[in-house]
Amino acid sequence: MKGNERLDVVERQAIYCKKHLRECQQQLVSFVNAQIESANSFYKKLAKTKNGKEKIARIKKLASQ
């Protein structure tokens, strides 16, 4: 997809969300919750690996910068 096509998609999605606010909110909440669950699962698995806790500390340090 090219730049203008992406912008068109974003604009159409914005218009849709303005008209269907509740539906968009529900979809967004579901998406964000799934992302959080996925990240938590990743961190739990990473913590169990060799040097995993140190890696997590480095990731958190980078994220806070």
C-alpha atoms as a PDB file:
ATOM      1  CA  MET A   1       0.000   0.000   0.000  1.00  0.00           C
ATOM      2  CA  LYS A   2       1.344   3.408  -0.892  1.00  0.00           C
ATOM      3  CA  GLY A   3       1.312   6.532   1.274  1.00  0.00           C
ATOM      4  CA  ASN A   4      -1.850   8.053  -0.176  1.00  0.00           C
ATOM      5  CA  GLU A   5      -3.705   4.743   0.011  1.00  0.00           C
ATOM      6  CA  ARG A   6      -2.767   4.370   3.683  1.00  0.00           C
ATOM      7  CA  LEU A   7      -3.965   7.886   4.417  1.00  0.00           C
ATOM      8  CA  ASP A   8      -7.257   7.110   2.676  1.00  0.00           C
ATOM      9  CA  VAL A   9      -7.695   3.966   4.783  1.00  0.00           C
ATOM     10  CA  VAL A  10      -6.978   5.886   7.989  1.00  0.00           C
ATOM     11  CA  GLU A  11      -9.433   8.624   7.018  1.00  0.00           C
ATOM     12  CA  ARG A  12     -12.171   6.088   6.196  1.00  0.00           C
ATOM     13  CA  GLN A  13     -11.545   4.310   9.511  1.00  0.00           C
ATOM     14  CA  ALA A  14     -11.758   7.623  11.402  1.00  0.00           C
ATOM     15  CA  ILE A  15     -15.086   8.445   9.755  1.00  0.00           C
ATOM     16  CA  TYR A  16     -16.396   4.961  10.527  1.00  0.00           C
ATOM     17  CA  CYS A  17     -15.325   5.225  14.178  1.00  0.00           C
ATOM     18  CA  LYS A  18     -17.033   8.600  14.535  1.00  0.00           C
ATOM     19  CA  LYS A  19     -20.279   7.035  13.322  1.00  0.00           C
ATOM     20  CA  HIS A  20     -19.877   3.761  15.263  1.00  0.00           C
ATOM     21  CA  LEU A  21     -18.075   4.878  18.408  1.00  0.00           C
ATOM     22  CA  ARG A  22     -19.195   2.049  20.727  1.00  0.00           C
ATOM     23  CA  GLU A  23     -18.239  -0.681  18.264  1.00  0.00           C
ATOM     24  CA  CYS A  24     -14.808   0.856  17.671  1.00  0.00           C
ATOM     25  CA  GLN A  25     -14.204   1.237  21.397  1.00  0.00           C
ATOM     26  CA  GLN A  26     -15.042  -2.412  22.000  1.00  0.00           C
ATOM     27  CA  GLN A  27     -12.742  -3.532  19.198  1.00  0.00           C
ATOM     28  CA  LEU A  28      -9.930  -1.331  20.452  1.00  0.00           C
ATOM     29  CA  VAL A  29     -10.283  -2.582  24.031  1.00  0.00           C
ATOM     30  CA  SER A  30     -10.154  -6.176  22.802  1.00  0.00           C
ATOM     31  CA  PHE A  31      -7.087  -5.452  20.686  1.00  0.00           C
ATOM     32  CA  VAL A  32      -5.213  -3.640  23.463  1.00  0.00           C
ATOM     33  CA  ASN A  33      -6.041  -6.357  25.997  1.00  0.00           C
ATOM     34  CA  ALA A  34      -4.739  -9.024  23.606  1.00  0.00           C
ATOM     35  CA  GLN A  35      -1.510  -7.050  23.121  1.00  0.00           C
ATOM     36  CA  ILE A  36      -1.025  -6.781  26.891  1.00  0.00           C
ATOM     37  CA  GLU A  37      -1.670 -10.497  27.377  1.00  0.00           C
ATOM     38  CA  SER A  38       0.798 -11.325  24.609  1.00  0.00           C
ATOM     39  CA  ALA A  39       3.474  -9.081  26.140  1.00  0.00           C
ATOM     40  CA  ASN A  40       2.938 -10.547  29.604  1.00  0.00           C
ATOM     41  CA  SER A  41       3.237 -14.061  28.214  1.00  0.00           C
ATOM     42  CA  PHE A  42       6.460 -13.113  26.432  1.00  0.00           C
ATOM     43  CA  TYR A  43       7.971 -11.633  29.600  1.00  0.00           C
ATOM     44  CA  LYS A  44       7.042 -14.706  31.649  1.00  0.00           C
ATOM     45  CA  LYS A  45       8.735 -16.992  29.124  1.00  0.00           C
ATOM     46  CA  LEU A  46      11.754 -14.709  28.830  1.00  0.00           C
ATOM     47  CA  ALA A  47      12.145 -14.570  32.631  1.00  0.00           C
ATOM     48  CA  LYS A  48      12.561 -18.361  32.675  1.00  0.00           C
ATOM     49  CA  THR A  49      15.486 -18.290  30.233  1.00  0.00           C
ATOM     50  CA  LYS A  50      19.148 -17.850  31.045  1.00  0.00           C
ATOM     51  CA  ASN A  51      19.748 -14.160  31.794  1.00  0.00           C
ATOM     52  CA  GLY A  52      16.072 -13.524  31.087  1.00  0.00           C
ATOM     53  CA  LYS A  53      15.522 -11.243  34.062  1.00  0.00           C
ATOM     54  CA  GLU A  54      18.525  -9.160  33.078  1.00  0.00           C
ATOM     55  CA  LYS A  55      17.207  -8.885  29.532  1.00  0.00           C
ATOM     56  CA  ILE A  56      13.830  -7.732  30.837  1.00  0.00           C
ATOM     57  CA  ALA A  57      15.557  -5.089  32.963  1.00  0.00           C
ATOM     58  CA  ARG A  58      17.404  -3.816  29.866  1.00  0.00           C
ATOM     59  CA  ILE A  59      14.168  -3.729  27.862  1.00  0.00           C
ATOM     60  CA  LYS A  60      12.416  -1.742  30.603  1.00  0.00           C
ATOM     61  CA  LYS A  61      15.356   0.646  30.829  1.00  0.00           C
ATOM     62  CA  LEU A  62      15.223   1.246  27.056  1.00  0.00           C
ATOM     63  CA  ALA A  63      11.453   1.744  27.171  1.00  0.00           C
ATOM     64  CA  SER A  64      11.730   4.383  29.884  1.00  0.00           C
ATOM     65  CA  GLN A  65      14.190   6.535  27.942  1.00  0.00           C
END
